[in-house]
C-alpha atoms as a PDB file:
ATOM      1  CA  UNK A   1     115.188 136.356  91.259  1.00  0.00           C
ATOM      2  CA  UNK A   2     117.811 134.265  93.077  1.00  0.00           C
ATOM      3  CA  UNK A   3     118.706 130.671  92.220  1.00  0.00           C
ATOM      4  CA  UNK A   4     116.896 129.567  95.369  1.00  0.00           C
ATOM      5  CA  UNK A   5     113.770 131.483  94.322  1.00  0.00           C
ATOM      6  CA  UNK A   6     113.934 129.897  90.880  1.00  0.00           C
ATOM      7  CA  UNK A   7     114.249 126.442  92.430  1.00  0.00           C
ATOM      8  CA  UNK A   8     111.323 127.088  94.734  1.00  0.00           C
ATOM      9  CA  UNK A   9     109.137 128.256  91.842  1.00  0.00           C
ATOM     10  CA  UNK A  10     110.066 125.142  89.893  1.00  0.00           C
ATOM     11  CA  UNK A  11     109.132 122.895  92.813  1.00  0.00           C
ATOM     12  CA  UNK A  12     105.807 124.707  93.119  1.00  0.00           C
ATOM     13  CA  UNK A  13     105.141 124.039  89.444  1.00  0.00           C
ATOM     14  CA  UNK A  14     106.015 120.357  89.832  1.00  0.00           C
ATOM     15  CA  UNK A  15     103.724 119.990  92.838  1.00  0.00           C
ATOM     16  CA  UNK A  16     100.901 121.631  90.897  1.00  0.00           C
ATOM     17  CA  UNK A  17     101.386 119.206  87.998  1.00  0.00           C
ATOM     18  CA  UNK A  18     101.427 116.243  90.366  1.00  0.00           C
ATOM     19  CA  UNK A  19      98.283 117.441  92.114  1.00  0.00           C
ATOM     20  CA  UNK A  20      96.357 118.254  88.941  1.00  0.00           C
ATOM     21  CA  UNK A  21      97.487 115.519  86.574  1.00  0.00           C
ATOM     22  CA  UNK A  22      99.326 112.900  88.656  1.00  0.00           C
ATOM     23  CA  UNK A  23     102.215 113.683  86.314  1.00  0.00           C
ATOM     24  CA  UNK A  24     104.875 111.009  86.821  1.00  0.00           C
ATOM     25  CA  UNK A  25     107.514 112.938  84.881  1.00  0.00           C
ATOM     26  CA  UNK A  26     107.011 115.910  87.212  1.00  0.00           C
ATOM     27  CA  UNK A  27     107.216 113.567  90.193  1.00  0.00           C
ATOM     28  CA  UNK A  28     110.448 112.035  88.925  1.00  0.00           C
ATOM     29  CA  UNK A  29     111.998 115.502  88.557  1.00  0.00           C
ATOM     30  CA  UNK A  30     110.844 116.558  92.021  1.00  0.00           C
ATOM     31  CA  UNK A  31     112.193 113.323  93.522  1.00  0.00           C
ATOM     32  CA  UNK A  32     115.590 113.811  91.889  1.00  0.00           C
ATOM     33  CA  UNK A  33     115.803 117.445  93.039  1.00  0.00           C
ATOM     34  CA  UNK A  34     114.790 116.884  96.660  1.00  0.00           C
ATOM     35  CA  UNK A  35     115.760 113.383  97.790  1.00  0.00           C
ATOM     36  CA  UNK A  36     119.152 114.491  99.131  1.00  0.00           C
ATOM     37  CA  UNK A  37     117.707 117.013 101.562  1.00  0.00           C
ATOM     38  CA  UNK A  38     114.784 114.842 102.614  1.00  0.00           C
ATOM     39  CA  UNK A  39     116.971 111.796 103.179  1.00  0.00           C
ATOM     40  CA  UNK A  40     119.373 113.901 105.271  1.00  0.00           C
ATOM     41  CA  UNK A  41     116.446 115.220 107.305  1.00  0.00           C
ATOM     42  CA  UNK A  42     115.252 111.701 108.081  1.00  0.00           C
ATOM     43  CA  UNK A  43     118.739 110.301 108.748  1.00  0.00           C
ATOM     44  CA  UNK A  44     119.442 113.113 111.199  1.00  0.00           C
ATOM     45  CA  UNK A  45     116.497 111.885 113.290  1.00  0.00           C
ATOM     46  CA  UNK A  46     116.571 108.083 112.961  1.00  0.00           C
ATOM     47  CA  UNK A  47     120.390 107.665 112.609  1.00  0.00           C
ATOM     48  CA  UNK A  48     119.911 104.422 110.682  1.00  0.00           C
ATOM     49  CA  UNK A  49     120.274 104.326 106.909  1.00  0.00           C
ATOM     50  CA  UNK A  50     118.112 101.252 106.450  1.00  0.00           C
ATOM     51  CA  UNK A  51     115.240 102.835 108.357  1.00  0.00           C
ATOM     52  CA  UNK A  52     115.783 106.182 106.633  1.00  0.00           C
ATOM     53  CA  UNK A  53     115.438 104.509 103.224  1.00  0.00           C
ATOM     54  CA  UNK A  54     112.141 102.946 104.293  1.00  0.00           C
ATOM     55  CA  UNK A  55     110.832 106.256 105.602  1.00  0.00           C
ATOM     56  CA  UNK A  56     111.783 108.073 102.407  1.00  0.00           C
ATOM     57  CA  UNK A  57     109.470 105.737 100.489  1.00  0.00           C
ATOM     58  CA  UNK A  58     106.639 106.838 102.759  1.00  0.00           C
ATOM     59  CA  UNK A  59     107.655 110.495 102.496  1.00  0.00           C
ATOM     60  CA  UNK A  60     107.339 110.507  98.725  1.00  0.00           C
ATOM     61  CA  UNK A  61     104.137 108.495  98.851  1.00  0.00           C
ATOM     62  CA  UNK A  62     102.750 111.227 101.120  1.00  0.00           C
ATOM     63  CA  UNK A  63     103.971 113.962  98.786  1.00  0.00           C
ATOM     64  CA  UNK A  64     102.422 112.181  95.775  1.00  0.00           C
ATOM     65  CA  UNK A  65      99.079 111.769  97.525  1.00  0.00           C
ATOM     66  CA  UNK A  66      98.923 115.220  99.115  1.00  0.00           C
ATOM     67  CA  UNK A  67     100.602 117.514  96.592  1.00  0.00           C
ATOM     68  CA  UNK A  68      97.317 119.397  96.227  1.00  0.00           C
ATOM     69  CA  UNK A  69      97.385 120.399  99.891  1.00  0.00           C
ATOM     70  CA  UNK A  70     100.547 122.482  99.482  1.00  0.00           C
ATOM     71  CA  UNK A  71      99.916 126.242  99.726  1.00  0.00           C
ATOM     72  CA  UNK A  72     102.667 128.804  98.940  1.00  0.00           C
ATOM     73  CA  UNK A  73     101.346 130.970 101.778  1.00  0.00           C
ATOM     74  CA  UNK A  74     102.447 128.312 104.281  1.00  0.00           C
ATOM     75  CA  UNK A  75     106.109 128.367 103.222  1.00  0.00           C
ATOM     76  CA  UNK A  76     108.403 127.140 100.476  1.00  0.00           C
ATOM     77  CA  UNK A  77     107.829 123.737  98.825  1.00  0.00           C
ATOM     78  CA  UNK A  78     111.089 122.492 100.337  1.00  0.00           C
ATOM     79  CA  UNK A  79     110.019 123.514 103.829  1.00  0.00           C
ATOM     80  CA  UNK A  80     106.676 121.765 103.317  1.00  0.00           C
ATOM     81  CA  UNK A  81     108.386 118.547 102.210  1.00  0.00           C
ATOM     82  CA  UNK A  82     110.970 118.687 105.008  1.00  0.00           C
ATOM     83  CA  UNK A  83     108.082 118.999 107.438  1.00  0.00           C
ATOM     84  CA  UNK A  84     106.530 115.808 106.076  1.00  0.00           C
ATOM     85  CA  UNK A  85     109.867 113.989 106.335  1.00  0.00           C
ATOM     86  CA  UNK A  86     110.458 115.195 109.915  1.00  0.00           C
ATOM     87  CA  UNK A  87     107.013 114.141 111.058  1.00  0.00           C
ATOM     88  CA  UNK A  88     107.323 110.632 109.640  1.00  0.00           C
ATOM     89  CA  UNK A  89     110.819 110.212 111.051  1.00  0.00           C
ATOM     90  CA  UNK A  90     109.731 111.417 114.495  1.00  0.00           C
ATOM     91  CA  UNK A  91     106.721 109.074 114.421  1.00  0.00           C
ATOM     92  CA  UNK A  92     109.111 106.199 113.680  1.00  0.00           C
ATOM     93  CA  UNK A  93     111.539 106.865 116.543  1.00  0.00           C
ATOM     94  CA  UNK A  94     108.631 107.188 118.964  1.00  0.00           C
ATOM     95  CA  UNK A  95     107.536 103.609 118.285  1.00  0.00           C
ATOM     96  CA  UNK A  96     108.374 101.322 121.216  1.00  0.00           C
ATOM     97  CA  UNK A  97     110.202  98.789 119.045  1.00  0.00           C
ATOM     98  CA  UNK A  98     112.529 101.345 117.450  1.00  0.00           C
ATOM     99  CA  UNK A  99     116.222 100.827 118.254  1.00  0.00           C
ATOM    100  CA  UNK A 100     118.493 103.870 118.318  1.00  0.00           C
ATOM    101  CA  UNK A 101     121.872 103.493 116.658  1.00  0.00           C
ATOM    102  CA  UNK A 102     124.524 104.516 119.242  1.00  0.00           C
ATOM    103  CA  UNK A 103     127.138 105.169 116.548  1.00  0.00           C
ATOM    104  CA  UNK A 104     126.707 108.691 115.140  1.00  0.00           C
ATOM    105  CA  UNK A 105     129.266 108.004 112.405  1.00  0.00           C
ATOM    106  CA  UNK A 106     126.342 107.139 110.137  1.00  0.00           C
ATOM    107  CA  UNK A 107     125.594 110.873 110.028  1.00  0.00           C
ATOM    108  CA  UNK A 108     128.948 111.673 108.432  1.00  0.00           C
ATOM    109  CA  UNK A 109     127.691 110.591 105.046  1.00  0.00           C
ATOM    110  CA  UNK A 110     125.136 113.381 104.677  1.00  0.00           C
ATOM    111  CA  UNK A 111     124.503 114.585 101.128  1.00  0.00           C
ATOM    112  CA  UNK A 112     126.017 117.968 100.260  1.00  0.00           C
ATOM    113  CA  UNK A 113     122.536 119.461  99.960  1.00  0.00           C
ATOM    114  CA  UNK A 114     121.437 118.577 103.492  1.00  0.00           C
ATOM    115  CA  UNK A 115     118.796 120.969 104.896  1.00  0.00           C
ATOM    116  CA  UNK A 116     120.064 124.171 106.467  1.00  0.00           C
ATOM    117  CA  UNK A 117     119.302 125.176 110.039  1.00  0.00           C
ATOM    118  CA  UNK A 118     116.916 127.836 108.711  1.00  0.00           C
ATOM    119  CA  UNK A 119     115.005 125.264 106.663  1.00  0.00           C
ATOM    120  CA  UNK A 120     114.683 122.975 109.677  1.00  0.00           C
ATOM    121  CA  UNK A 121     113.403 125.841 111.838  1.00  0.00           C
ATOM    122  CA  UNK A 122     110.921 126.850 109.135  1.00  0.00           C
ATOM    123  CA  UNK A 123     109.750 123.244 108.861  1.00  0.00           C
ATOM    124  CA  UNK A 124     109.140 123.082 112.612  1.00  0.00           C
ATOM    125  CA  UNK A 125     107.135 126.304 112.407  1.00  0.00           C
ATOM    126  CA  UNK A 126     105.140 124.853 109.501  1.00  0.00           C
ATOM    127  CA  UNK A 127     104.356 121.814 111.659  1.00  0.00           C
ATOM    128  CA  UNK A 128     102.959 124.078 114.362  1.00  0.00           C
ATOM    129  CA  UNK A 129     100.837 126.073 111.915  1.00  0.00           C
ATOM    130  CA  UNK A 130      99.451 122.917 110.303  1.00  0.00           C
ATOM    131  CA  UNK A 131      98.567 121.489 113.713  1.00  0.00           C
ATOM    132  CA  UNK A 132      96.676 124.685 114.558  1.00  0.00           C
ATOM    133  CA  UNK A 133      94.857 124.604 111.217  1.00  0.00           C
ATOM    134  CA  UNK A 134      93.925 120.953 111.569  1.00  0.00           C
ATOM    135  CA  UNK A 135      92.599 121.563 115.078  1.00  0.00           C
ATOM    136  CA  UNK A 136      90.307 124.282 113.709  1.00  0.00           C
ATOM    137  CA  UNK A 137      89.153 121.971 110.933  1.00  0.00           C
ATOM    138  CA  UNK A 138      88.416 119.160 113.385  1.00  0.00           C
ATOM    139  CA  UNK A 139      86.385 121.581 115.474  1.00  0.00           C
ATOM    140  CA  UNK A 140      84.427 122.582 112.368  1.00  0.00           C
ATOM    141  CA  UNK A 141      83.795 118.918 111.575  1.00  0.00           C
ATOM    142  CA  UNK A 142      81.928 118.592 114.858  1.00  0.00           C
ATOM    143  CA  UNK A 143      79.241 120.848 113.383  1.00  0.00           C
ATOM    144  CA  UNK A 144      78.456 118.424 110.563  1.00  0.00           C
ATOM    145  CA  UNK A 145      75.825 115.727 110.680  1.00  0.00           C
ATOM    146  CA  UNK A 146      77.257 112.432 111.976  1.00  0.00           C
ATOM    147  CA  UNK A 147      76.963 110.786 108.542  1.00  0.00           C
ATOM    148  CA  UNK A 148      78.859 113.528 106.710  1.00  0.00           C
ATOM    149  CA  UNK A 149      81.437 113.862 109.457  1.00  0.00           C
ATOM    150  CA  UNK A 150      82.130 110.112 109.421  1.00  0.00           C
ATOM    151  CA  UNK A 151      82.507 110.134 105.631  1.00  0.00           C
ATOM    152  CA  UNK A 152      85.063 112.965 105.674  1.00  0.00           C
ATOM    153  CA  UNK A 153      87.059 111.376 108.481  1.00  0.00           C
ATOM    154  CA  UNK A 154      86.996 107.954 106.810  1.00  0.00           C
ATOM    155  CA  UNK A 155      88.052 109.396 103.437  1.00  0.00           C
ATOM    156  CA  UNK A 156      90.697 111.923 104.443  1.00  0.00           C
ATOM    157  CA  UNK A 157      92.042 110.707 107.770  1.00  0.00           C
ATOM    158  CA  UNK A 158      91.695 106.926 107.483  1.00  0.00           C
ATOM    159  CA  UNK A 159      92.269 106.915 103.711  1.00  0.00           C
ATOM    160  CA  UNK A 160      89.244 104.841 102.695  1.00  0.00           C
ATOM    161  CA  UNK A 161      88.393 104.938  98.994  1.00  0.00           C
ATOM    162  CA  UNK A 162      85.107 106.246  97.639  1.00  0.00           C
ATOM    163  CA  UNK A 163      84.312 102.680  96.544  1.00  0.00           C
ATOM    164  CA  UNK A 164      84.792 101.368 100.086  1.00  0.00           C
ATOM    165  CA  UNK A 165      82.588 104.112 101.501  1.00  0.00           C
ATOM    166  CA  UNK A 166      79.954 103.464  98.827  1.00  0.00           C
ATOM    167  CA  UNK A 167      79.794  99.785  99.726  1.00  0.00           C
ATOM    168  CA  UNK A 168      79.629 100.477 103.448  1.00  0.00           C
ATOM    169  CA  UNK A 169      76.953 103.159 103.125  1.00  0.00           C
ATOM    170  CA  UNK A 170      74.946 101.231 100.538  1.00  0.00           C
ATOM    171  CA  UNK A 171      74.763 104.146  98.103  1.00  0.00           C
ATOM    172  CA  UNK A 172      76.339 104.844  94.665  1.00  0.00           C
ATOM    173  CA  UNK A 173      79.913 106.151  94.497  1.00  0.00           C
ATOM    174  CA  UNK A 174      78.730 109.430  92.949  1.00  0.00           C
ATOM    175  CA  UNK A 175      76.407 109.949  95.911  1.00  0.00           C
ATOM    176  CA  UNK A 176      79.316 109.476  98.312  1.00  0.00           C
ATOM    177  CA  UNK A 177      81.378 111.984  96.318  1.00  0.00           C
ATOM    178  CA  UNK A 178      78.524 114.488  96.443  1.00  0.00           C
ATOM    179  CA  UNK A 179      78.080 114.077 100.203  1.00  0.00           C
ATOM    180  CA  UNK A 180      81.796 114.527 100.833  1.00  0.00           C
ATOM    181  CA  UNK A 181      82.011 117.584  98.561  1.00  0.00           C
ATOM    182  CA  UNK A 182      79.043 119.208 100.331  1.00  0.00           C
ATOM    183  CA  UNK A 183      80.541 118.377 103.719  1.00  0.00           C
ATOM    184  CA  UNK A 184      83.844 120.042 102.786  1.00  0.00           C
ATOM    185  CA  UNK A 185      82.007 123.112 101.505  1.00  0.00           C
ATOM    186  CA  UNK A 186      80.119 123.259 104.789  1.00  0.00           C
ATOM    187  CA  UNK A 187      83.365 123.034 106.763  1.00  0.00           C
ATOM    188  CA  UNK A 188      84.886 125.774 104.608  1.00  0.00           C
ATOM    189  CA  UNK A 189      81.863 128.007 105.264  1.00  0.00           C
ATOM    190  CA  UNK A 190      82.164 127.419 109.020  1.00  0.00           C
ATOM    191  CA  UNK A 191      85.848 128.360 108.946  1.00  0.00           C
ATOM    192  CA  UNK A 192      85.104 131.533 106.978  1.00  0.00           C
ATOM    193  CA  UNK A 193      82.397 132.534 109.449  1.00  0.00           C
ATOM    194  CA  UNK A 194      84.812 132.111 112.344  1.00  0.00           C
ATOM    195  CA  UNK A 195      87.611 133.992 110.596  1.00  0.00           C
ATOM    196  CA  UNK A 196      89.667 130.829 110.140  1.00  0.00           C
ATOM    197  CA  UNK A 197      89.423 130.509 106.369  1.00  0.00           C
ATOM    198  CA  UNK A 198      92.626 128.567 105.860  1.00  0.00           C
ATOM    199  CA  UNK A 199      93.441 125.746 103.485  1.00  0.00           C
ATOM    200  CA  UNK A 200      91.712 122.546 104.515  1.00  0.00           C
ATOM    201  CA  UNK A 201      94.443 119.939 104.813  1.00  0.00           C
ATOM    202  CA  UNK A 202      93.732 116.276 105.396  1.00  0.00           C
ATOM    203  CA  UNK A 203      96.590 113.770 105.342  1.00  0.00           C
ATOM    204  CA  UNK A 204      94.847 110.552 104.405  1.00  0.00           C
ATOM    205  CA  UNK A 205      96.466 107.170 104.241  1.00  0.00           C
ATOM    206  CA  UNK A 206      98.400 106.606 101.065  1.00  0.00           C
ATOM    207  CA  UNK A 207      97.620 103.882  98.550  1.00  0.00           C
ATOM    208  CA  UNK A 208     100.660 102.138  97.056  1.00  0.00           C
ATOM    209  CA  UNK A 209      98.737 101.154  93.924  1.00  0.00           C
ATOM    210  CA  UNK A 210      98.318 104.851  93.068  1.00  0.00           C
ATOM    211  CA  UNK A 211     101.988 105.625  93.719  1.00  0.00           C
ATOM    212  CA  UNK A 212     104.324 105.990  90.717  1.00  0.00           C
ATOM    213  CA  UNK A 213     107.140 103.527  90.230  1.00  0.00           C
ATOM    214  CA  UNK A 214     109.786 106.254  90.513  1.00  0.00           C
ATOM    215  CA  UNK A 215     110.761 105.496  94.104  1.00  0.00           C
ATOM    216  CA  UNK A 216     109.708 101.865  94.342  1.00  0.00           C
ATOM    217  CA  UNK A 217     112.557  99.498  95.004  1.00  0.00           C
END
């Protein structure tokens, strides 16, 4: 096993601990091991350190919230995280109010562990695969009843809490959880029947109150 393989296995373990236990020690270790590459990825796109620092906060909030959606079959943990960083950085520069820095000298201060060209290519390929998977999932969602479909979209795409959904639907929180679980099982069954049994990945809105203090400023 190479050093890179060992590092990748360690990152997988940390992501599993974050997903299963919301382990802040695991998150702190993952943050320390990966911030250099992720910051370099973002800086390469936005070319502004102040904006890159803001985006990195969002990147790690996304990783914290969605660690359970990582699947080894989709690529290395680093590639998965670079993909998240790229997407958020690209979303930022596409905003009308974003100002591009004309001075590329800001890029000279890249960390030594900046992402390699191969990692960036793999991350772009991961983006494409995830988009294809999400399109299949959205198609499967159309087969659900309107109530169940709206609950899944509200919970996993708009990031509404189970408590918010319970209040809006006028039913107990446990009932909402049951409806959502059954809806996801139904979507999974539809994907299996169509030969698209892939991991169901929803990137819901993050909640700062659930985010560890490790990367808060």
